[in-house]
Amino acid sequence: MNREFLRAFLVLTTVFLVAFGYLRLVHGQDKPPQLSADSRVTILKAQLKQKQIESQYLQIQQQLNLLQAQYTEATKAAQDAIDAAFKEVKLDKKEWTLNLDTLEFTKVAPPAKPAETKKP
């Protein structure tokens, strides 16, 4: 009886070890490969740099939008001031121009007449 028990024990142990080895092998194949610490650090540094640049880009874009709005407002204010100057001195823009460097009015030269062509 001891032999039968020992034989049954050895058979069960062998079956258990084979099954355990098979499960370990199968389970090991399902596990995805792991990145090395150096690869992880490289990826994380690159992502951090990308986020920093993205943040700077967005800040610059916001500043540019603000400057465009301010420039548009300043251009309109300058044109309004020029229009007010013409009204103040009661001049027609078609007949006069305002030199923006000297802020002096000058008379617009009349358009040149086209040269007459002789008809044979």
PDB file of N, CA and C in Angstrom:
ATOM      1  N   MET A   1       0.806  -1.183   0.000  1.00  0.00           N
ATOM      2  CA  MET A   1       0.000   0.000   0.000  1.00  0.00           C
ATOM      3  C   MET A   1       0.859   1.261   0.000  1.00  0.00           C
ATOM      4  N   ASN A   2       1.954   1.225   0.644  1.00  0.00           N
ATOM      5  CA  ASN A   2       2.842   2.380   0.635  1.00  0.00           C
ATOM      6  C   ASN A   2       3.361   2.656  -0.761  1.00  0.00           C
ATOM      7  N   ARG A   3       3.615   1.585  -1.498  1.00  0.00           N
ATOM      8  CA  ARG A   3       4.085   1.784  -2.856  1.00  0.00           C
ATOM      9  C   ARG A   3       3.011   2.423  -3.719  1.00  0.00           C
ATOM     10  N   GLU A   4       1.821   1.992  -3.581  1.00  0.00           N
ATOM     11  CA  GLU A   4       0.730   2.562  -4.367  1.00  0.00           C
ATOM     12  C   GLU A   4       0.508   4.023  -3.978  1.00  0.00           C
ATOM     13  N   PHE A   5       0.598   4.283  -2.720  1.00  0.00           N
ATOM     14  CA  PHE A   5       0.443   5.666  -2.251  1.00  0.00           C
ATOM     15  C   PHE A   5       1.585   6.518  -2.790  1.00  0.00           C
ATOM     16  N   LEU A   6       2.796   6.023  -2.721  1.00  0.00           N
ATOM     17  CA  LEU A   6       3.960   6.742  -3.204  1.00  0.00           C
ATOM     18  C   LEU A   6       3.855   6.956  -4.715  1.00  0.00           C
ATOM     19  N   ARG A   7       3.423   5.933  -5.442  1.00  0.00           N
ATOM     20  CA  ARG A   7       3.266   6.032  -6.881  1.00  0.00           C
ATOM     21  C   ARG A   7       2.187   7.065  -7.228  1.00  0.00           C
ATOM     22  N   ALA A   8       1.063   7.021  -6.555  1.00  0.00           N
ATOM     23  CA  ALA A   8      -0.014   7.987  -6.786  1.00  0.00           C
ATOM     24  C   ALA A   8       0.468   9.402  -6.447  1.00  0.00           C
ATOM     25  N   PHE A   9       1.216   9.525  -5.374  1.00  0.00           N
ATOM     26  CA  PHE A   9       1.748  10.828  -4.970  1.00  0.00           C
ATOM     27  C   PHE A   9       2.699  11.360  -6.033  1.00  0.00           C
ATOM     28  N   LEU A  10       3.575  10.511  -6.547  1.00  0.00           N
ATOM     29  CA  LEU A  10       4.526  10.939  -7.581  1.00  0.00           C
ATOM     30  C   LEU A  10       3.805  11.309  -8.875  1.00  0.00           C
ATOM     31  N   VAL A  11       2.788  10.544  -9.247  1.00  0.00           N
ATOM     32  CA  VAL A  11       2.018  10.851 -10.459  1.00  0.00           C
ATOM     33  C   VAL A  11       1.300  12.187 -10.297  1.00  0.00           C
ATOM     34  N   LEU A  12       0.660  12.395  -9.162  1.00  0.00           N
ATOM     35  CA  LEU A  12      -0.052  13.661  -8.921  1.00  0.00           C
ATOM     36  C   LEU A  12       0.925  14.837  -8.870  1.00  0.00           C
ATOM     37  N   THR A  13       2.044  14.622  -8.243  1.00  0.00           N
ATOM     38  CA  THR A  13       3.047  15.691  -8.165  1.00  0.00           C
ATOM     39  C   THR A  13       3.558  16.026  -9.557  1.00  0.00           C
ATOM     40  N   THR A  14       3.820  15.026 -10.370  1.00  0.00           N
ATOM     41  CA  THR A  14       4.293  15.253 -11.740  1.00  0.00           C
ATOM     42  C   THR A  14       3.237  15.992 -12.554  1.00  0.00           C
ATOM     43  N   VAL A  15       1.994  15.541 -12.439  1.00  0.00           N
ATOM     44  CA  VAL A  15       0.899  16.207 -13.161  1.00  0.00           C
ATOM     45  C   VAL A  15       0.782  17.649 -12.695  1.00  0.00           C
ATOM     46  N   PHE A  16       0.881  17.874 -11.409  1.00  0.00           N
ATOM     47  CA  PHE A  16       0.784  19.235 -10.865  1.00  0.00           C
ATOM     48  C   PHE A  16       1.929  20.103 -11.383  1.00  0.00           C
ATOM     49  N   LEU A  17       3.147  19.605 -11.371  1.00  0.00           N
ATOM     50  CA  LEU A  17       4.289  20.374 -11.846  1.00  0.00           C
ATOM     51  C   LEU A  17       4.194  20.672 -13.333  1.00  0.00           C
ATOM     52  N   VAL A  18       3.747  19.704 -14.111  1.00  0.00           N
ATOM     53  CA  VAL A  18       3.576  19.926 -15.555  1.00  0.00           C
ATOM     54  C   VAL A  18       2.489  20.979 -15.788  1.00  0.00           C
ATOM     55  N   ALA A  19       1.371  20.839 -15.088  1.00  0.00           N
ATOM     56  CA  ALA A  19       0.276  21.801 -15.245  1.00  0.00           C
ATOM     57  C   ALA A  19       0.708  23.196 -14.791  1.00  0.00           C
ATOM     58  N   PHE A  20       1.405  23.265 -13.681  1.00  0.00           N
ATOM     59  CA  PHE A  20       1.872  24.554 -13.170  1.00  0.00           C
ATOM     60  C   PHE A  20       2.862  25.185 -14.143  1.00  0.00           C
ATOM     61  N   GLY A  21       3.772  24.397 -14.683  1.00  0.00           N
ATOM     62  CA  GLY A  21       4.730  24.894 -15.675  1.00  0.00           C
ATOM     63  C   GLY A  21       4.038  25.387 -16.928  1.00  0.00           C
ATOM     64  N   TYR A  22       3.032  24.657 -17.402  1.00  0.00           N
ATOM     65  CA  TYR A  22       2.281  25.054 -18.582  1.00  0.00           C
ATOM     66  C   TYR A  22       1.545  26.369 -18.337  1.00  0.00           C
ATOM     67  N   LEU A  23       0.897  26.469 -17.173  1.00  0.00           N
ATOM     68  CA  LEU A  23       0.181  27.713 -16.846  1.00  0.00           C
ATOM     69  C   LEU A  23       1.139  28.881 -16.739  1.00  0.00           C
ATOM     70  N   ARG A  24       2.270  28.650 -16.179  1.00  0.00           N
ATOM     71  CA  ARG A  24       3.268  29.709 -16.046  1.00  0.00           C
ATOM     72  C   ARG A  24       3.754  30.138 -17.419  1.00  0.00           C
ATOM     73  N   LEU A  25       3.984  29.174 -18.303  1.00  0.00           N
ATOM     74  CA  LEU A  25       4.424  29.478 -19.656  1.00  0.00           C
ATOM     75  C   LEU A  25       3.360  30.262 -20.417  1.00  0.00           C
ATOM     76  N   VAL A  26       2.113  29.793 -20.343  1.00  0.00           N
ATOM     77  CA  VAL A  26       1.011  30.472 -21.032  1.00  0.00           C
ATOM     78  C   VAL A  26       0.799  31.857 -20.442  1.00  0.00           C
ATOM     79  N   HIS A  27       0.796  31.960 -19.129  1.00  0.00           N
ATOM     80  CA  HIS A  27       0.595  33.257 -18.479  1.00  0.00           C
ATOM     81  C   HIS A  27       1.744  34.205 -18.810  1.00  0.00           C
ATOM     82  N   GLY A  28       2.934  33.702 -18.902  1.00  0.00           N
ATOM     83  CA  GLY A  28       4.092  34.531 -19.223  1.00  0.00           C
ATOM     84  C   GLY A  28       4.021  35.100 -20.624  1.00  0.00           C
ATOM     85  N   GLN A  29       3.384  34.392 -21.537  1.00  0.00           N
ATOM     86  CA  GLN A  29       3.262  34.877 -22.902  1.00  0.00           C
ATOM     87  C   GLN A  29       2.212  35.972 -23.012  1.00  0.00           C
ATOM     88  N   ASP A  30       1.230  35.985 -22.167  1.00  0.00           N
ATOM     89  CA  ASP A  30       0.191  37.014 -22.197  1.00  0.00           C
ATOM     90  C   ASP A  30       0.678  38.333 -21.611  1.00  0.00           C
ATOM     91  N   LYS A  31       1.698  38.276 -20.821  1.00  0.00           N
ATOM     92  CA  LYS A  31       2.200  39.481 -20.162  1.00  0.00           C
ATOM     93  C   LYS A  31       2.996  40.306 -21.174  1.00  0.00           C
ATOM     94  N   PRO A  32       2.644  41.583 -21.366  1.00  0.00           N
ATOM     95  CA  PRO A  32       3.356  42.406 -22.347  1.00  0.00           C
ATOM     96  C   PRO A  32       4.775  42.716 -21.862  1.00  0.00           C
ATOM     97  N   PRO A  33       5.673  42.954 -22.794  1.00  0.00           N
ATOM     98  CA  PRO A  33       7.042  43.287 -22.395  1.00  0.00           C
ATOM     99  C   PRO A  33       7.069  44.638 -21.678  1.00  0.00           C
ATOM    100  N   GLN A  34       8.015  44.797 -20.799  1.00  0.00           N
ATOM    101  CA  GLN A  34       8.139  46.032 -20.010  1.00  0.00           C
ATOM    102  C   GLN A  34       9.245  46.907 -20.584  1.00  0.00           C
ATOM    103  N   LEU A  35       9.029  48.223 -20.545  1.00  0.00           N
ATOM    104  CA  LEU A  35      10.055  49.167 -20.978  1.00  0.00           C
ATOM    105  C   LEU A  35      11.129  49.275 -19.911  1.00  0.00           C
ATOM    106  N   SER A  36      12.326  49.572 -20.377  1.00  0.00           N
ATOM    107  CA  SER A  36      13.407  49.784 -19.416  1.00  0.00           C
ATOM    108  C   SER A  36      13.217  51.140 -18.749  1.00  0.00           C
ATOM    109  N   ALA A  37      13.885  51.310 -17.629  1.00  0.00           N
ATOM    110  CA  ALA A  37      13.785  52.580 -16.902  1.00  0.00           C
ATOM    111  C   ALA A  37      14.310  53.728 -17.755  1.00  0.00           C
ATOM    112  N   ASP A  38      15.375  53.492 -18.518  1.00  0.00           N
ATOM    113  CA  ASP A  38      15.926  54.542 -19.382  1.00  0.00           C
ATOM    114  C   ASP A  38      14.924  54.970 -20.456  1.00  0.00           C
ATOM    115  N   SER A  39      14.240  53.987 -21.043  1.00  0.00           N
ATOM    116  CA  SER A  39      13.231  54.314 -22.061  1.00  0.00           C
ATOM    117  C   SER A  39      12.085  55.101 -21.457  1.00  0.00           C
ATOM    118  N   ARG A  40      11.662  54.716 -20.267  1.00  0.00           N
ATOM    119  CA  ARG A  40      10.571  55.452 -19.598  1.00  0.00           C
ATOM    120  C   ARG A  40      10.981  56.896 -19.323  1.00  0.00           C
ATOM    121  N   VAL A  41      12.204  57.073 -18.820  1.00  0.00           N
ATOM    122  CA  VAL A  41      12.692  58.425 -18.509  1.00  0.00           C
ATOM    123  C   VAL A  41      12.772  59.259 -19.779  1.00  0.00           C
ATOM    124  N   THR A  42      13.265  58.674 -20.863  1.00  0.00           N
ATOM    125  CA  THR A  42      13.378  59.402 -22.121  1.00  0.00           C
ATOM    126  C   THR A  42      12.011  59.846 -22.621  1.00  0.00           C
ATOM    127  N   ILE A  43      11.045  58.957 -22.561  1.00  0.00           N
ATOM    128  CA  ILE A  43       9.689  59.291 -23.014  1.00  0.00           C
ATOM    129  C   ILE A  43       9.070  60.372 -22.133  1.00  0.00           C
ATOM    130  N   LEU A  44       9.218  60.229 -20.829  1.00  0.00           N
ATOM    131  CA  LEU A  44       8.632  61.211 -19.906  1.00  0.00           C
ATOM    132  C   LEU A  44       9.271  62.584 -20.074  1.00  0.00           C
ATOM    133  N   LYS A  45      10.582  62.637 -20.302  1.00  0.00           N
ATOM    134  CA  LYS A  45      11.258  63.925 -20.528  1.00  0.00           C
ATOM    135  C   LYS A  45      10.757  64.577 -21.810  1.00  0.00           C
ATOM    136  N   ALA A  46      10.611  63.769 -22.855  1.00  0.00           N
ATOM    137  CA  ALA A  46      10.118  64.308 -24.133  1.00  0.00           C
ATOM    138  C   ALA A  46       8.695  64.827 -23.992  1.00  0.00           C
ATOM    139  N   GLN A  47       7.848  64.101 -23.263  1.00  0.00           N
ATOM    140  CA  GLN A  47       6.471  64.556 -23.045  1.00  0.00           C
ATOM    141  C   GLN A  47       6.436  65.842 -22.236  1.00  0.00           C
ATOM    142  N   LEU A  48       7.291  65.942 -21.232  1.00  0.00           N
ATOM    143  CA  LEU A  48       7.350  67.159 -20.418  1.00  0.00           C
ATOM    144  C   LEU A  48       7.773  68.346 -21.270  1.00  0.00           C
ATOM    145  N   LYS A  49       8.793  68.165 -22.100  1.00  0.00           N
ATOM    146  CA  LYS A  49       9.256  69.241 -22.983  1.00  0.00           C
ATOM    147  C   LYS A  49       8.149  69.659 -23.939  1.00  0.00           C
ATOM    148  N   GLN A  50       7.429  68.673 -24.471  1.00  0.00           N
ATOM    149  CA  GLN A  50       6.319  68.965 -25.377  1.00  0.00           C
ATOM    150  C   GLN A  50       5.245  69.786 -24.674  1.00  0.00           C
ATOM    151  N   LYS A  51       4.895  69.435 -23.452  1.00  0.00           N
ATOM    152  CA  LYS A  51       3.870  70.171 -22.700  1.00  0.00           C
ATOM    153  C   LYS A  51       4.330  71.600 -22.398  1.00  0.00           C
ATOM    154  N   GLN A  52       5.633  71.765 -22.083  1.00  0.00           N
ATOM    155  CA  GLN A  52       6.151  73.102 -21.802  1.00  0.00           C
ATOM    156  C   GLN A  52       6.073  73.979 -23.052  1.00  0.00           C
ATOM    157  N   ILE A  53       6.457  73.411 -24.189  1.00  0.00           N
ATOM    158  CA  ILE A  53       6.402  74.172 -25.439  1.00  0.00           C
ATOM    159  C   ILE A  53       4.958  74.489 -25.811  1.00  0.00           C
ATOM    160  N   GLU A  54       4.068  73.546 -25.616  1.00  0.00           N
ATOM    161  CA  GLU A  54       2.650  73.780 -25.899  1.00  0.00           C
ATOM    162  C   GLU A  54       2.108  74.919 -25.035  1.00  0.00           C
ATOM    163  N   SER A  55       2.501  74.939 -23.775  1.00  0.00           N
ATOM    164  CA  SER A  55       2.055  75.999 -22.874  1.00  0.00           C
ATOM    165  C   SER A  55       2.575  77.358 -23.336  1.00  0.00           C
ATOM    166  N   GLN A  56       3.851  77.419 -23.700  1.00  0.00           N
ATOM    167  CA  GLN A  56       4.427  78.670 -24.197  1.00  0.00           C
ATOM    168  C   GLN A  56       3.734  79.112 -25.478  1.00  0.00           C
ATOM    169  N   TYR A  57       3.478  78.160 -26.369  1.00  0.00           N
ATOM    170  CA  TYR A  57       2.808  78.465 -27.632  1.00  0.00           C
ATOM    171  C   TYR A  57       1.429  79.067 -27.381  1.00  0.00           C
ATOM    172  N   LEU A  58       0.674  78.458 -26.483  1.00  0.00           N
ATOM    173  CA  LEU A  58      -0.665  78.964 -26.192  1.00  0.00           C
ATOM    174  C   LEU A  58      -0.615  80.355 -25.572  1.00  0.00           C
ATOM    175  N   GLN A  59       0.385  80.605 -24.716  1.00  0.00           N
ATOM    176  CA  GLN A  59       0.524  81.939 -24.116  1.00  0.00           C
ATOM    177  C   GLN A  59       0.856  82.978 -25.195  1.00  0.00           C
ATOM    178  N   ILE A  60       1.759  82.627 -26.095  1.00  0.00           N
ATOM    179  CA  ILE A  60       2.127  83.549 -27.171  1.00  0.00           C
ATOM    180  C   ILE A  60       0.940  83.795 -28.085  1.00  0.00           C
ATOM    181  N   GLN A  61       0.182  82.753 -28.361  1.00  0.00           N
ATOM    182  CA  GLN A  61      -1.003  82.897 -29.210  1.00  0.00           C
ATOM    183  C   GLN A  61      -2.022  83.833 -28.556  1.00  0.00           C
ATOM    184  N   GLN A  62      -2.210  83.712 -27.250  1.00  0.00           N
ATOM    185  CA  GLN A  62      -3.132  84.613 -26.544  1.00  0.00           C
ATOM    186  C   GLN A  62      -2.626  86.046 -26.604  1.00  0.00           C
ATOM    187  N   GLN A  63      -1.309  86.230 -26.419  1.00  0.00           N
ATOM    188  CA  GLN A  63      -0.736  87.570 -26.490  1.00  0.00           C
ATOM    189  C   GLN A  63      -0.894  88.160 -27.889  1.00  0.00           C
ATOM    190  N   LEU A  64      -0.692  87.317 -28.913  1.00  0.00           N
ATOM    191  CA  LEU A  64      -0.845  87.776 -30.284  1.00  0.00           C
ATOM    192  C   LEU A  64      -2.291  88.200 -30.554  1.00  0.00           C
ATOM    193  N   ASN A  65      -3.245  87.426 -30.085  1.00  0.00           N
ATOM    194  CA  ASN A  65      -4.656  87.790 -30.261  1.00  0.00           C
ATOM    195  C   ASN A  65      -4.967  89.116 -29.576  1.00  0.00           C
ATOM    196  N   LEU A  66      -4.425  89.307 -28.372  1.00  0.00           N
ATOM    197  CA  LEU A  66      -4.627  90.561 -27.655  1.00  0.00           C
ATOM    198  C   LEU A  66      -4.000  91.729 -28.412  1.00  0.00           C
ATOM    199  N   LEU A  67      -2.775  91.532 -28.922  1.00  0.00           N
ATOM    200  CA  LEU A  67      -2.104  92.594 -29.678  1.00  0.00           C
ATOM    201  C   LEU A  67      -2.855  92.919 -30.971  1.00  0.00           C
ATOM    202  N   GLN A  68      -3.390  91.898 -31.637  1.00  0.00           N
ATOM    203  CA  GLN A  68      -4.164  92.157 -32.858  1.00  0.00           C
ATOM    204  C   GLN A  68      -5.400  93.000 -32.540  1.00  0.00           C
ATOM    205  N   ALA A  69      -6.064  92.696 -31.457  1.00  0.00           N
ATOM    206  CA  ALA A  69      -7.246  93.473 -31.063  1.00  0.00           C
ATOM    207  C   ALA A  69      -6.847  94.906 -30.710  1.00  0.00           C
ATOM    208  N   GLN A  70      -5.748  95.055 -29.985  1.00  0.00           N
ATOM    209  CA  GLN A  70      -5.283  96.392 -29.613  1.00  0.00           C
ATOM    210  C   GLN A  70      -4.863  97.185 -30.849  1.00  0.00           C
ATOM    211  N   TYR A  71      -4.207  96.513 -31.794  1.00  0.00           N
ATOM    212  CA  TYR A  71      -3.786  97.189 -33.022  1.00  0.00           C
ATOM    213  C   TYR A  71      -4.994  97.655 -33.826  1.00  0.00           C
ATOM    214  N   THR A  72      -6.004  96.817 -33.909  1.00  0.00           N
ATOM    215  CA  THR A  72      -7.221  97.191 -34.625  1.00  0.00           C
ATOM    216  C   THR A  72      -7.874  98.409 -33.973  1.00  0.00           C
ATOM    217  N   GLU A  73      -7.935  98.396 -32.656  1.00  0.00           N
ATOM    218  CA  GLU A  73      -8.514  99.535 -31.931  1.00  0.00           C
ATOM    219  C   GLU A  73      -7.687 100.805 -32.150  1.00  0.00           C
ATOM    220  N   ALA A  74      -6.363 100.678 -32.110  1.00  0.00           N
ATOM    221  CA  ALA A  74      -5.491 101.843 -32.287  1.00  0.00           C
ATOM    222  C   ALA A  74      -5.602 102.390 -33.707  1.00  0.00           C
ATOM    223  N   THR A  75      -5.716 101.510 -34.687  1.00  0.00           N
ATOM    224  CA  THR A  75      -5.863 101.937 -36.087  1.00  0.00           C
ATOM    225  C   THR A  75      -7.180 102.693 -36.270  1.00  0.00           C
ATOM    226  N   LYS A  76      -8.243 102.190 -35.671  1.00  0.00           N
ATOM    227  CA  LYS A  76      -9.535 102.871 -35.759  1.00  0.00           C
ATOM    228  C   LYS A  76      -9.483 104.230 -35.053  1.00  0.00           C
ATOM    229  N   ALA A  77      -8.827 104.283 -33.904  1.00  0.00           N
ATOM    230  CA  ALA A  77      -8.715 105.550 -33.171  1.00  0.00           C
ATOM    231  C   ALA A  77      -7.917 106.570 -33.987  1.00  0.00           C
ATOM    232  N   ALA A  78      -6.853 106.111 -34.653  1.00  0.00           N
ATOM    233  CA  ALA A  78      -6.059 107.024 -35.485  1.00  0.00           C
ATOM    234  C   ALA A  78      -6.885 107.535 -36.663  1.00  0.00           C
ATOM    235  N   GLN A  79      -7.629 106.657 -37.303  1.00  0.00           N
ATOM    236  CA  GLN A  79      -8.465 107.080 -38.430  1.00  0.00           C
ATOM    237  C   GLN A  79      -9.565 108.029 -37.962  1.00  0.00           C
ATOM    238  N   ASP A  80     -10.149 107.766 -36.807  1.00  0.00           N
ATOM    239  CA  ASP A  80     -11.163 108.665 -36.257  1.00  0.00           C
ATOM    240  C   ASP A  80     -10.574 110.043 -35.967  1.00  0.00           C
ATOM    241  N   ALA A  81      -9.344 110.071 -35.468  1.00  0.00           N
ATOM    242  CA  ALA A  81      -8.685 111.356 -35.184  1.00  0.00           C
ATOM    243  C   ALA A  81      -8.413 112.124 -36.481  1.00  0.00           C
ATOM    244  N   ILE A  82      -8.027 111.406 -37.522  1.00  0.00           N
ATOM    245  CA  ILE A  82      -7.796 112.062 -38.820  1.00  0.00           C
ATOM    246  C   ILE A  82      -9.106 112.604 -39.375  1.00  0.00           C
ATOM    247  N   ASP A  83     -10.165 111.804 -39.291  1.00  0.00           N
ATOM    248  CA  ASP A  83     -11.483 112.270 -39.750  1.00  0.00           C
ATOM    249  C   ASP A  83     -11.915 113.508 -38.971  1.00  0.00           C
ATOM    250  N   ALA A  84     -11.684 113.505 -37.667  1.00  0.00           N
ATOM    251  CA  ALA A  84     -12.047 114.663 -36.835  1.00  0.00           C
ATOM    252  C   ALA A  84     -11.235 115.899 -37.232  1.00  0.00           C
ATOM    253  N   ALA A  85      -9.972 115.697 -37.595  1.00  0.00           N
ATOM    254  CA  ALA A  85      -9.130 116.830 -38.021  1.00  0.00           C
ATOM    255  C   ALA A  85      -9.674 117.436 -39.310  1.00  0.00           C
ATOM    256  N   PHE A  86     -10.095 116.604 -40.250  1.00  0.00           N
ATOM    257  CA  PHE A  86     -10.684 117.128 -41.489  1.00  0.00           C
ATOM    258  C   PHE A  86     -11.961 117.900 -41.202  1.00  0.00           C
ATOM    259  N   LYS A  87     -12.771 117.377 -40.286  1.00  0.00           N
ATOM    260  CA  LYS A  87     -14.024 118.066 -39.949  1.00  0.00           C
ATOM    261  C   LYS A  87     -13.739 119.391 -39.242  1.00  0.00           C
ATOM    262  N   GLU A  88     -12.706 119.378 -38.384  1.00  0.00           N
ATOM    263  CA  GLU A  88     -12.367 120.596 -37.625  1.00  0.00           C
ATOM    264  C   GLU A  88     -12.018 121.747 -38.559  1.00  0.00           C
ATOM    265  N   VAL A  89     -11.254 121.461 -39.601  1.00  0.00           N
ATOM    266  CA  VAL A  89     -10.846 122.534 -40.518  1.00  0.00           C
ATOM    267  C   VAL A  89     -11.758 122.615 -41.749  1.00  0.00           C
ATOM    268  N   LYS A  90     -12.775 121.791 -41.769  1.00  0.00           N
ATOM    269  CA  LYS A  90     -13.792 121.797 -42.814  1.00  0.00           C
ATOM    270  C   LYS A  90     -13.188 121.635 -44.213  1.00  0.00           C
ATOM    271  N   LEU A  91     -12.391 120.551 -44.356  1.00  0.00           N
ATOM    272  CA  LEU A  91     -11.797 120.247 -45.657  1.00  0.00           C
ATOM    273  C   LEU A  91     -12.364 118.928 -46.172  1.00  0.00           C
ATOM    274  N   ASP A  92     -12.400 118.839 -47.493  1.00  0.00           N
ATOM    275  CA  ASP A  92     -12.887 117.627 -48.143  1.00  0.00           C
ATOM    276  C   ASP A  92     -11.692 116.697 -48.397  1.00  0.00           C
ATOM    277  N   LYS A  93     -11.847 115.444 -48.025  1.00  0.00           N
ATOM    278  CA  LYS A  93     -10.746 114.477 -48.193  1.00  0.00           C
ATOM    279  C   LYS A  93     -10.416 114.232 -49.664  1.00  0.00           C
ATOM    280  N   LYS A  94     -11.369 114.508 -50.541  1.00  0.00           N
ATOM    281  CA  LYS A  94     -11.111 114.309 -51.962  1.00  0.00           C
ATOM    282  C   LYS A  94     -10.201 115.402 -52.519  1.00  0.00           C
ATOM    283  N   GLU A  95     -10.217 116.560 -51.876  1.00  0.00           N
ATOM    284  CA  GLU A  95      -9.423 117.681 -52.364  1.00  0.00           C
ATOM    285  C   GLU A  95      -8.143 117.904 -51.568  1.00  0.00           C
ATOM    286  N   TRP A  96      -8.079 117.376 -50.369  1.00  0.00           N
ATOM    287  CA  TRP A  96      -6.933 117.602 -49.494  1.00  0.00           C
ATOM    288  C   TRP A  96      -6.440 116.268 -48.908  1.00  0.00           C
ATOM    289  N   THR A  97      -5.154 116.246 -48.580  1.00  0.00           N
ATOM    290  CA  THR A  97      -4.587 115.094 -47.868  1.00  0.00           C
ATOM    291  C   THR A  97      -3.888 115.609 -46.624  1.00  0.00           C
ATOM    292  N   LEU A  98      -3.743 114.732 -45.673  1.00  0.00           N
ATOM    293  CA  LEU A  98      -3.046 115.085 -44.435  1.00  0.00           C
ATOM    294  C   LEU A  98      -1.760 114.271 -44.407  1.00  0.00           C
ATOM    295  N   ASN A  99      -0.634 114.983 -44.397  1.00  0.00           N
ATOM    296  CA  ASN A  99       0.662 114.317 -44.277  1.00  0.00           C
ATOM    297  C   ASN A  99       0.789 113.864 -42.826  1.00  0.00           C
ATOM    298  N   LEU A 100       0.858 112.563 -42.619  1.00  0.00           N
ATOM    299  CA  LEU A 100       0.859 112.031 -41.259  1.00  0.00           C
ATOM    300  C   LEU A 100       2.193 112.214 -40.551  1.00  0.00           C
ATOM    301  N   ASP A 101       3.250 112.508 -41.299  1.00  0.00           N
ATOM    302  CA  ASP A 101       4.544 112.760 -40.653  1.00  0.00           C
ATOM    303  C   ASP A 101       4.633 114.189 -40.130  1.00  0.00           C
ATOM    304  N   THR A 102       4.172 115.154 -40.942  1.00  0.00           N
ATOM    305  CA  THR A 102       4.264 116.568 -40.553  1.00  0.00           C
ATOM    306  C   THR A 102       2.945 117.106 -40.005  1.00  0.00           C
ATOM    307  N   LEU A 103       1.874 116.357 -40.208  1.00  0.00           N
ATOM    308  CA  LEU A 103       0.517 116.764 -39.817  1.00  0.00           C
ATOM    309  C   LEU A 103       0.134 118.098 -40.451  1.00  0.00           C
ATOM    310  N   GLU A 104       0.441 118.197 -41.741  1.00  0.00           N
ATOM    311  CA  GLU A 104       0.075 119.378 -42.517  1.00  0.00           C
ATOM    312  C   GLU A 104      -0.798 118.945 -43.682  1.00  0.00           C
ATOM    313  N   PHE A 105      -1.757 119.795 -44.007  1.00  0.00           N
ATOM    314  CA  PHE A 105      -2.650 119.522 -45.125  1.00  0.00           C
ATOM    315  C   PHE A 105      -1.996 119.975 -46.415  1.00  0.00           C
ATOM    316  N   THR A 106      -2.222 119.216 -47.463  1.00  0.00           N
ATOM    317  CA  THR A 106      -1.748 119.620 -48.790  1.00  0.00           C
ATOM    318  C   THR A 106      -2.876 119.373 -49.781  1.00  0.00           C
ATOM    319  N   LYS A 107      -2.922 120.238 -50.773  1.00  0.00           N
ATOM    320  CA  LYS A 107      -3.962 120.143 -51.784  1.00  0.00           C
ATOM    321  C   LYS A 107      -3.628 118.986 -52.724  1.00  0.00           C
ATOM    322  N   VAL A 108      -4.666 118.226 -53.058  1.00  0.00           N
ATOM    323  CA  VAL A 108      -4.495 117.107 -53.989  1.00  0.00           C
ATOM    324  C   VAL A 108      -4.422 117.667 -55.392  1.00  0.00           C
ATOM    325  N   ALA A 109      -3.408 117.196 -56.141  1.00  0.00           N
ATOM    326  CA  ALA A 109      -3.277 117.660 -57.523  1.00  0.00           C
ATOM    327  C   ALA A 109      -4.428 117.094 -58.339  1.00  0.00           C
ATOM    328  N   PRO A 110      -4.975 117.900 -59.233  1.00  0.00           N
ATOM    329  CA  PRO A 110      -6.077 117.397 -60.054  1.00  0.00           C
ATOM    330  C   PRO A 110      -5.576 116.247 -60.929  1.00  0.00           C
ATOM    331  N   PRO A 111      -6.447 115.316 -61.227  1.00  0.00           N
ATOM    332  CA  PRO A 111      -6.013 114.177 -62.047  1.00  0.00           C
ATOM    333  C   PRO A 111      -5.538 114.648 -63.417  1.00  0.00           C
ATOM    334  N   ALA A 112      -4.492 114.024 -63.896  1.00  0.00           N
ATOM    335  CA  ALA A 112      -3.928 114.400 -65.200  1.00  0.00           C
ATOM    336  C   ALA A 112      -4.923 113.991 -66.282  1.00  0.00           C
ATOM    337  N   LYS A 113      -5.038 114.873 -67.265  1.00  0.00           N
ATOM    338  CA  LYS A 113      -5.925 114.570 -68.380  1.00  0.00           C
ATOM    339  C   LYS A 113      -5.193 113.634 -69.337  1.00  0.00           C
ATOM    340  N   PRO A 114      -5.900 112.683 -69.849  1.00  0.00           N
ATOM    341  CA  PRO A 114      -5.219 111.772 -70.812  1.00  0.00           C
ATOM    342  C   PRO A 114      -4.813 112.530 -72.039  1.00  0.00           C
ATOM    343  N   ALA A 115      -3.668 112.152 -72.557  1.00  0.00           N
ATOM    344  CA  ALA A 115      -3.163 112.812 -73.764  1.00  0.00           C
ATOM    345  C   ALA A 115      -4.107 112.525 -74.914  1.00  0.00           C
ATOM    346  N   GLU A 116      -4.359 113.576 -75.640  1.00  0.00           N
ATOM    347  CA  GLU A 116      -5.263 113.407 -76.763  1.00  0.00           C
ATOM    348  C   GLU A 116      -4.510 112.770 -77.924  1.00  0.00           C
ATOM    349  N   THR A 117      -5.141 111.853 -78.518  1.00  0.00           N
ATOM    350  CA  THR A 117      -4.536 111.217 -79.672  1.00  0.00           C
ATOM    351  C   THR A 117      -5.139 111.840 -80.923  1.00  0.00           C
ATOM    352  N   LYS A 118      -4.291 112.060 -81.900  1.00  0.00           N
ATOM    353  CA  LYS A 118      -4.758 112.657 -83.154  1.00  0.00           C
ATOM    354  C   LYS A 118      -5.406 111.577 -83.993  1.00  0.00           C
ATOM    355  N   LYS A 119      -6.526 111.942 -84.554  1.00  0.00           N
ATOM    356  CA  LYS A 119      -7.213 111.016 -85.422  1.00  0.00           C
ATOM    357  C   LYS A 119      -6.853 111.344 -86.859  1.00  0.00           C
ATOM    358  N   PRO A 120      -6.408 110.406 -87.614  1.00  0.00           N
ATOM    359  CA  PRO A 120      -6.033 110.703 -89.025  1.00  0.00           C
ATOM    360  C   PRO A 120      -7.201 110.991 -89.900  1.00  0.00           C
TER     361      PRO A 120
END
